[in-house]
Amino acid sequence: MLQNILSFYIQGLLLAALTVVFCSLTWFILRAAKGVDKTHKERQDFLFDLLMINVMTIPIVAFGIVGILLMLKA
């Protein structure tokens, strides 16, 4: 049972990482296309904030995906 939960968490972590990175990359590209950040420092600050958001949200989204995977497999 523990092995099943661990495999679901690894799958959820992978899916969450891909989803969050894709969304943040899309957000970064759209923001760069609009020219919101004028200076290099502003772009660097935004990129740092985006990386911190990714680090904080990937585990949370992974637990949500694990719940969905458990419901689908049951």
PDB file of N, CA and C in Angstrom:
ATOM      1  N   MET A   1       0.825  -1.201   0.000  1.00  0.00           N
ATOM      2  CA  MET A   1       0.000   0.000   0.000  1.00  0.00           C
ATOM      3  C   MET A   1       0.863   1.257   0.000  1.00  0.00           C
ATOM      4  N   LEU A   2       1.915   1.233   0.829  1.00  0.00           N
ATOM      5  CA  LEU A   2       2.802   2.392   0.888  1.00  0.00           C
ATOM      6  C   LEU A   2       3.508   2.616  -0.448  1.00  0.00           C
ATOM      7  N   GLN A   3       3.838   1.522  -1.107  1.00  0.00           N
ATOM      8  CA  GLN A   3       4.493   1.631  -2.410  1.00  0.00           C
ATOM      9  C   GLN A   3       3.550   2.248  -3.447  1.00  0.00           C
ATOM     10  N   ASN A   4       2.267   1.910  -3.382  1.00  0.00           N
ATOM     11  CA  ASN A   4       1.283   2.507  -4.296  1.00  0.00           C
ATOM     12  C   ASN A   4       1.151   4.005  -4.070  1.00  0.00           C
ATOM     13  N   ILE A   5       1.073   4.401  -2.808  1.00  0.00           N
ATOM     14  CA  ILE A   5       0.935   5.826  -2.486  1.00  0.00           C
ATOM     15  C   ILE A   5       2.182   6.585  -2.930  1.00  0.00           C
ATOM     16  N   LEU A   6       3.351   5.981  -2.700  1.00  0.00           N
ATOM     17  CA  LEU A   6       4.586   6.631  -3.128  1.00  0.00           C
ATOM     18  C   LEU A   6       4.642   6.773  -4.649  1.00  0.00           C
ATOM     19  N   SER A   7       4.206   5.741  -5.362  1.00  0.00           N
ATOM     20  CA  SER A   7       4.215   5.849  -6.822  1.00  0.00           C
ATOM     21  C   SER A   7       3.217   6.901  -7.304  1.00  0.00           C
ATOM     22  N   PHE A   8       2.056   7.001  -6.642  1.00  0.00           N
ATOM     23  CA  PHE A   8       1.101   8.055  -6.985  1.00  0.00           C
ATOM     24  C   PHE A   8       1.694   9.432  -6.703  1.00  0.00           C
ATOM     25  N   TYR A   9       2.442   9.560  -5.588  1.00  0.00           N
ATOM     26  CA  TYR A   9       3.028  10.860  -5.267  1.00  0.00           C
ATOM     27  C   TYR A   9       4.110  11.232  -6.275  1.00  0.00           C
ATOM     28  N   ILE A  10       4.910  10.273  -6.701  1.00  0.00           N
ATOM     29  CA  ILE A  10       5.941  10.560  -7.711  1.00  0.00           C
ATOM     30  C   ILE A  10       5.288  10.982  -9.023  1.00  0.00           C
ATOM     31  N   GLN A  11       4.221  10.289  -9.416  1.00  0.00           N
ATOM     32  CA  GLN A  11       3.496  10.673 -10.631  1.00  0.00           C
ATOM     33  C   GLN A  11       2.888  12.066 -10.471  1.00  0.00           C
ATOM     34  N   GLY A  12       2.305  12.318  -9.314  1.00  0.00           N
ATOM     35  CA  GLY A  12       1.706  13.629  -9.060  1.00  0.00           C
ATOM     36  C   GLY A  12       2.743  14.728  -9.038  1.00  0.00           C
ATOM     37  N   LEU A  13       3.904  14.434  -8.474  1.00  0.00           N
ATOM     38  CA  LEU A  13       4.976  15.429  -8.431  1.00  0.00           C
ATOM     39  C   LEU A  13       5.475  15.757  -9.830  1.00  0.00           C
ATOM     40  N   LEU A  14       5.609  14.745 -10.662  1.00  0.00           N
ATOM     41  CA  LEU A  14       6.044  14.972 -12.036  1.00  0.00           C
ATOM     42  C   LEU A  14       5.010  15.776 -12.819  1.00  0.00           C
ATOM     43  N   LEU A  15       3.748  15.388 -12.713  1.00  0.00           N
ATOM     44  CA  LEU A  15       2.693  16.126 -13.418  1.00  0.00           C
ATOM     45  C   LEU A  15       2.566  17.552 -12.903  1.00  0.00           C
ATOM     46  N   ALA A  16       2.686  17.730 -11.587  1.00  0.00           N
ATOM     47  CA  ALA A  16       2.594  19.071 -11.009  1.00  0.00           C
ATOM     48  C   ALA A  16       3.754  19.941 -11.467  1.00  0.00           C
ATOM     49  N   ALA A  17       4.952  19.384 -11.490  1.00  0.00           N
ATOM     50  CA  ALA A  17       6.113  20.158 -11.927  1.00  0.00           C
ATOM     51  C   ALA A  17       5.961  20.585 -13.376  1.00  0.00           C
ATOM     52  N   LEU A  18       5.524  19.669 -14.222  1.00  0.00           N
ATOM     53  CA  LEU A  18       5.332  20.010 -15.632  1.00  0.00           C
ATOM     54  C   LEU A  18       4.257  21.074 -15.806  1.00  0.00           C
ATOM     55  N   THR A  19       3.156  20.925 -15.084  1.00  0.00           N
ATOM     56  CA  THR A  19       2.053  21.879 -15.197  1.00  0.00           C
ATOM     57  C   THR A  19       2.446  23.271 -14.710  1.00  0.00           C
ATOM     58  N   VAL A  20       3.069  23.333 -13.542  1.00  0.00           N
ATOM     59  CA  VAL A  20       3.436  24.629 -12.958  1.00  0.00           C
ATOM     60  C   VAL A  20       4.514  25.312 -13.793  1.00  0.00           C
ATOM     61  N   VAL A  21       5.487  24.559 -14.243  1.00  0.00           N
ATOM     62  CA  VAL A  21       6.556  25.162 -15.058  1.00  0.00           C
ATOM     63  C   VAL A  21       5.994  25.650 -16.392  1.00  0.00           C
ATOM     64  N   PHE A  22       5.096  24.889 -16.999  1.00  0.00           N
ATOM     65  CA  PHE A  22       4.480  25.327 -18.256  1.00  0.00           C
ATOM     66  C   PHE A  22       3.676  26.612 -18.046  1.00  0.00           C
ATOM     67  N   CYS A  23       2.890  26.668 -16.991  1.00  0.00           N
ATOM     68  CA  CYS A  23       2.083  27.873 -16.725  1.00  0.00           C
ATOM     69  C   CYS A  23       2.965  29.082 -16.439  1.00  0.00           C
ATOM     70  N   SER A  24       4.007  28.906 -15.641  1.00  0.00           N
ATOM     71  CA  SER A  24       4.866  30.040 -15.310  1.00  0.00           C
ATOM     72  C   SER A  24       5.699  30.481 -16.518  1.00  0.00           C
ATOM     73  N   LEU A  25       6.096  29.534 -17.354  1.00  0.00           N
ATOM     74  CA  LEU A  25       6.821  29.897 -18.567  1.00  0.00           C
ATOM     75  C   LEU A  25       5.929  30.679 -19.518  1.00  0.00           C
ATOM     76  N   THR A  26       4.673  30.258 -19.630  1.00  0.00           N
ATOM     77  CA  THR A  26       3.715  30.986 -20.461  1.00  0.00           C
ATOM     78  C   THR A  26       3.506  32.403 -19.927  1.00  0.00           C
ATOM     79  N   TRP A  27       3.378  32.516 -18.608  1.00  0.00           N
ATOM     80  CA  TRP A  27       3.184  33.819 -17.980  1.00  0.00           C
ATOM     81  C   TRP A  27       4.403  34.712 -18.229  1.00  0.00           C
ATOM     82  N   PHE A  28       5.602  34.140 -18.101  1.00  0.00           N
ATOM     83  CA  PHE A  28       6.828  34.902 -18.315  1.00  0.00           C
ATOM     84  C   PHE A  28       6.940  35.376 -19.764  1.00  0.00           C
ATOM     85  N   ILE A  29       6.603  34.516 -20.713  1.00  0.00           N
ATOM     86  CA  ILE A  29       6.687  34.888 -22.138  1.00  0.00           C
ATOM     87  C   ILE A  29       5.670  35.973 -22.475  1.00  0.00           C
ATOM     88  N   LEU A  30       4.439  35.830 -21.959  1.00  0.00           N
ATOM     89  CA  LEU A  30       3.428  36.862 -22.219  1.00  0.00           C
ATOM     90  C   LEU A  30       3.833  38.202 -21.608  1.00  0.00           C
ATOM     91  N   ARG A  31       4.397  38.157 -20.424  1.00  0.00           N
ATOM     92  CA  ARG A  31       4.836  39.385 -19.770  1.00  0.00           C
ATOM     93  C   ARG A  31       5.994  40.027 -20.535  1.00  0.00           C
ATOM     94  N   ALA A  32       6.898  39.196 -21.045  1.00  0.00           N
ATOM     95  CA  ALA A  32       8.022  39.727 -21.825  1.00  0.00           C
ATOM     96  C   ALA A  32       7.543  40.290 -23.155  1.00  0.00           C
ATOM     97  N   ALA A  33       6.537  39.650 -23.760  1.00  0.00           N
ATOM     98  CA  ALA A  33       6.018  40.133 -25.041  1.00  0.00           C
ATOM     99  C   ALA A  33       5.323  41.480 -24.891  1.00  0.00           C
ATOM    100  N   LYS A  34       4.658  41.678 -23.762  1.00  0.00           N
ATOM    101  CA  LYS A  34       3.989  42.958 -23.521  1.00  0.00           C
ATOM    102  C   LYS A  34       4.960  44.065 -23.141  1.00  0.00           C
ATOM    103  N   GLY A  35       6.159  43.691 -22.724  1.00  0.00           N
ATOM    104  CA  GLY A  35       7.153  44.696 -22.350  1.00  0.00           C
ATOM    105  C   GLY A  35       6.864  45.351 -21.023  1.00  0.00           C
ATOM    106  N   VAL A  36       6.360  44.585 -20.072  1.00  0.00           N
ATOM    107  CA  VAL A  36       6.007  45.138 -18.769  1.00  0.00           C
ATOM    108  C   VAL A  36       7.263  45.581 -18.010  1.00  0.00           C
ATOM    109  N   ASP A  37       8.285  44.754 -18.032  1.00  0.00           N
ATOM    110  CA  ASP A  37       9.519  45.063 -17.307  1.00  0.00           C
ATOM    111  C   ASP A  37      10.483  45.800 -18.226  1.00  0.00           C
ATOM    112  N   LYS A  38      10.864  46.992 -17.820  1.00  0.00           N
ATOM    113  CA  LYS A  38      11.713  47.823 -18.672  1.00  0.00           C
ATOM    114  C   LYS A  38      13.195  47.579 -18.429  1.00  0.00           C
ATOM    115  N   THR A  39      13.577  47.337 -17.186  1.00  0.00           N
ATOM    116  CA  THR A  39      14.996  47.195 -16.882  1.00  0.00           C
ATOM    117  C   THR A  39      15.346  45.738 -16.623  1.00  0.00           C
ATOM    118  N   HIS A  40      16.630  45.480 -16.650  1.00  0.00           N
ATOM    119  CA  HIS A  40      17.133  44.130 -16.386  1.00  0.00           C
ATOM    120  C   HIS A  40      16.836  43.727 -14.935  1.00  0.00           C
ATOM    121  N   LYS A  41      16.935  44.661 -14.022  1.00  0.00           N
ATOM    122  CA  LYS A  41      16.667  44.380 -12.606  1.00  0.00           C
ATOM    123  C   LYS A  41      15.209  43.975 -12.393  1.00  0.00           C
ATOM    124  N   GLU A  42      14.280  44.630 -13.069  1.00  0.00           N
ATOM    125  CA  GLU A  42      12.862  44.270 -12.943  1.00  0.00           C
ATOM    126  C   GLU A  42      12.605  42.872 -13.480  1.00  0.00           C
ATOM    127  N   ARG A  43      13.205  42.544 -14.617  1.00  0.00           N
ATOM    128  CA  ARG A  43      13.054  41.192 -15.177  1.00  0.00           C
ATOM    129  C   ARG A  43      13.651  40.148 -14.249  1.00  0.00           C
ATOM    130  N   GLN A  44      14.798  40.451 -13.672  1.00  0.00           N
ATOM    131  CA  GLN A  44      15.452  39.527 -12.763  1.00  0.00           C
ATOM    132  C   GLN A  44      14.627  39.329 -11.492  1.00  0.00           C
ATOM    133  N   ASP A  45      14.073  40.395 -10.956  1.00  0.00           N
ATOM    134  CA  ASP A  45      13.216  40.293  -9.770  1.00  0.00           C
ATOM    135  C   ASP A  45      11.963  39.473 -10.055  1.00  0.00           C
ATOM    136  N   PHE A  46      11.373  39.692 -11.220  1.00  0.00           N
ATOM    137  CA  PHE A  46      10.181  38.926 -11.574  1.00  0.00           C
ATOM    138  C   PHE A  46      10.511  37.450 -11.738  1.00  0.00           C
ATOM    139  N   LEU A  47      11.635  37.140 -12.374  1.00  0.00           N
ATOM    140  CA  LEU A  47      12.042  35.755 -12.559  1.00  0.00           C
ATOM    141  C   LEU A  47      12.312  35.082 -11.213  1.00  0.00           C
ATOM    142  N   PHE A  48      12.938  35.786 -10.296  1.00  0.00           N
ATOM    143  CA  PHE A  48      13.181  35.243  -8.959  1.00  0.00           C
ATOM    144  C   PHE A  48      11.859  34.980  -8.240  1.00  0.00           C
ATOM    145  N   ASP A  49      10.932  35.929  -8.321  1.00  0.00           N
ATOM    146  CA  ASP A  49       9.610  35.724  -7.713  1.00  0.00           C
ATOM    147  C   ASP A  49       8.888  34.528  -8.327  1.00  0.00           C
ATOM    148  N   LEU A  50       9.000  34.383  -9.630  1.00  0.00           N
ATOM    149  CA  LEU A  50       8.367  33.266 -10.326  1.00  0.00           C
ATOM    150  C   LEU A  50       8.965  31.927  -9.887  1.00  0.00           C
ATOM    151  N   LEU A  51      10.263  31.877  -9.716  1.00  0.00           N
ATOM    152  CA  LEU A  51      10.908  30.647  -9.241  1.00  0.00           C
ATOM    153  C   LEU A  51      10.485  30.312  -7.812  1.00  0.00           C
ATOM    154  N   MET A  52      10.354  31.314  -6.970  1.00  0.00           N
ATOM    155  CA  MET A  52       9.907  31.080  -5.591  1.00  0.00           C
ATOM    156  C   MET A  52       8.463  30.584  -5.572  1.00  0.00           C
ATOM    157  N   ILE A  53       7.627  31.132  -6.423  1.00  0.00           N
ATOM    158  CA  ILE A  53       6.242  30.674  -6.514  1.00  0.00           C
ATOM    159  C   ILE A  53       6.209  29.218  -6.967  1.00  0.00           C
ATOM    160  N   ASN A  54       7.047  28.857  -7.941  1.00  0.00           N
ATOM    161  CA  ASN A  54       7.098  27.471  -8.406  1.00  0.00           C
ATOM    162  C   ASN A  54       7.520  26.522  -7.290  1.00  0.00           C
ATOM    163  N   VAL A  55       8.548  26.893  -6.547  1.00  0.00           N
ATOM    164  CA  VAL A  55       9.034  26.035  -5.463  1.00  0.00           C
ATOM    165  C   VAL A  55       7.952  25.827  -4.408  1.00  0.00           C
ATOM    166  N   MET A  56       7.156  26.851  -4.161  1.00  0.00           N
ATOM    167  CA  MET A  56       6.123  26.746  -3.127  1.00  0.00           C
ATOM    168  C   MET A  56       4.877  26.016  -3.612  1.00  0.00           C
ATOM    169  N   THR A  57       4.540  26.125  -4.880  1.00  0.00           N
ATOM    170  CA  THR A  57       3.274  25.561  -5.339  1.00  0.00           C
ATOM    171  C   THR A  57       3.361  24.144  -5.888  1.00  0.00           C
ATOM    172  N   ILE A  58       4.539  23.714  -6.334  1.00  0.00           N
ATOM    173  CA  ILE A  58       4.643  22.365  -6.906  1.00  0.00           C
ATOM    174  C   ILE A  58       4.245  21.288  -5.898  1.00  0.00           C
ATOM    175  N   PRO A  59       4.722  21.289  -4.658  1.00  0.00           N
ATOM    176  CA  PRO A  59       4.281  20.232  -3.721  1.00  0.00           C
ATOM    177  C   PRO A  59       2.790  20.293  -3.398  1.00  0.00           C
ATOM    178  N   ILE A  60       2.230  21.489  -3.340  1.00  0.00           N
ATOM    179  CA  ILE A  60       0.805  21.620  -3.032  1.00  0.00           C
ATOM    180  C   ILE A  60      -0.040  21.061  -4.169  1.00  0.00           C
ATOM    181  N   VAL A  61       0.319  21.410  -5.391  1.00  0.00           N
ATOM    182  CA  VAL A  61      -0.403  20.897  -6.554  1.00  0.00           C
ATOM    183  C   VAL A  61      -0.210  19.384  -6.669  1.00  0.00           C
ATOM    184  N   ALA A  62       0.968  18.892  -6.278  1.00  0.00           N
ATOM    185  CA  ALA A  62       1.228  17.453  -6.343  1.00  0.00           C
ATOM    186  C   ALA A  62       0.281  16.679  -5.431  1.00  0.00           C
ATOM    187  N   PHE A  63       0.016  17.191  -4.237  1.00  0.00           N
ATOM    188  CA  PHE A  63      -0.926  16.514  -3.348  1.00  0.00           C
ATOM    189  C   PHE A  63      -2.339  16.517  -3.928  1.00  0.00           C
ATOM    190  N   GLY A  64      -2.712  17.588  -4.594  1.00  0.00           N
ATOM    191  CA  GLY A  64      -4.013  17.623  -5.250  1.00  0.00           C
ATOM    192  C   GLY A  64      -4.106  16.601  -6.368  1.00  0.00           C
ATOM    193  N   ILE A  65      -3.043  16.483  -7.140  1.00  0.00           N
ATOM    194  CA  ILE A  65      -3.030  15.521  -8.245  1.00  0.00           C
ATOM    195  C   ILE A  65      -3.043  14.098  -7.694  1.00  0.00           C
ATOM    196  N   VAL A  66      -2.351  13.857  -6.562  1.00  0.00           N
ATOM    197  CA  VAL A  66      -2.366  12.534  -5.936  1.00  0.00           C
ATOM    198  C   VAL A  66      -3.791  12.171  -5.530  1.00  0.00           C
ATOM    199  N   GLY A  67      -4.522  13.120  -4.987  1.00  0.00           N
ATOM    200  CA  GLY A  67      -5.914  12.864  -4.625  1.00  0.00           C
ATOM    201  C   GLY A  67      -6.752  12.505  -5.829  1.00  0.00           C
ATOM    202  N   ILE A  68      -6.546  13.226  -6.921  1.00  0.00           N
ATOM    203  CA  ILE A  68      -7.284  12.925  -8.139  1.00  0.00           C
ATOM    204  C   ILE A  68      -6.909  11.549  -8.686  1.00  0.00           C
ATOM    205  N   LEU A  69      -5.610  11.229  -8.668  1.00  0.00           N
ATOM    206  CA  LEU A  69      -5.175   9.912  -9.146  1.00  0.00           C
ATOM    207  C   LEU A  69      -5.741   8.784  -8.292  1.00  0.00           C
ATOM    208  N   LEU A  70      -5.779   8.999  -6.982  1.00  0.00           N
ATOM    209  CA  LEU A  70      -6.358   7.972  -6.097  1.00  0.00           C
ATOM    210  C   LEU A  70      -7.840   7.758  -6.376  1.00  0.00           C
ATOM    211  N   MET A  71      -8.559   8.838  -6.624  1.00  0.00           N
ATOM    212  CA  MET A  71      -9.984   8.694  -6.940  1.00  0.00           C
ATOM    213  C   MET A  71     -10.195   8.002  -8.278  1.00  0.00           C
ATOM    214  N   LEU A  72      -9.344   8.282  -9.245  1.00  0.00           N
ATOM    215  CA  LEU A  72      -9.490   7.644 -10.553  1.00  0.00           C
ATOM    216  C   LEU A  72      -9.128   6.165 -10.507  1.00  0.00           C
ATOM    217  N   LYS A  73      -8.153   5.800  -9.680  1.00  0.00           N
ATOM    218  CA  LYS A  73      -7.731   4.397  -9.605  1.00  0.00           C
ATOM    219  C   LYS A  73      -8.646   3.550  -8.737  1.00  0.00           C
ATOM    220  N   ALA A  74      -9.426   4.179  -7.875  1.00  0.00           N
ATOM    221  CA  ALA A  74     -10.300   3.402  -6.962  1.00  0.00           C
ATOM    222  C   ALA A  74     -11.532   2.863  -7.652  1.00  0.00           C
TER     223      ALA A  74
END
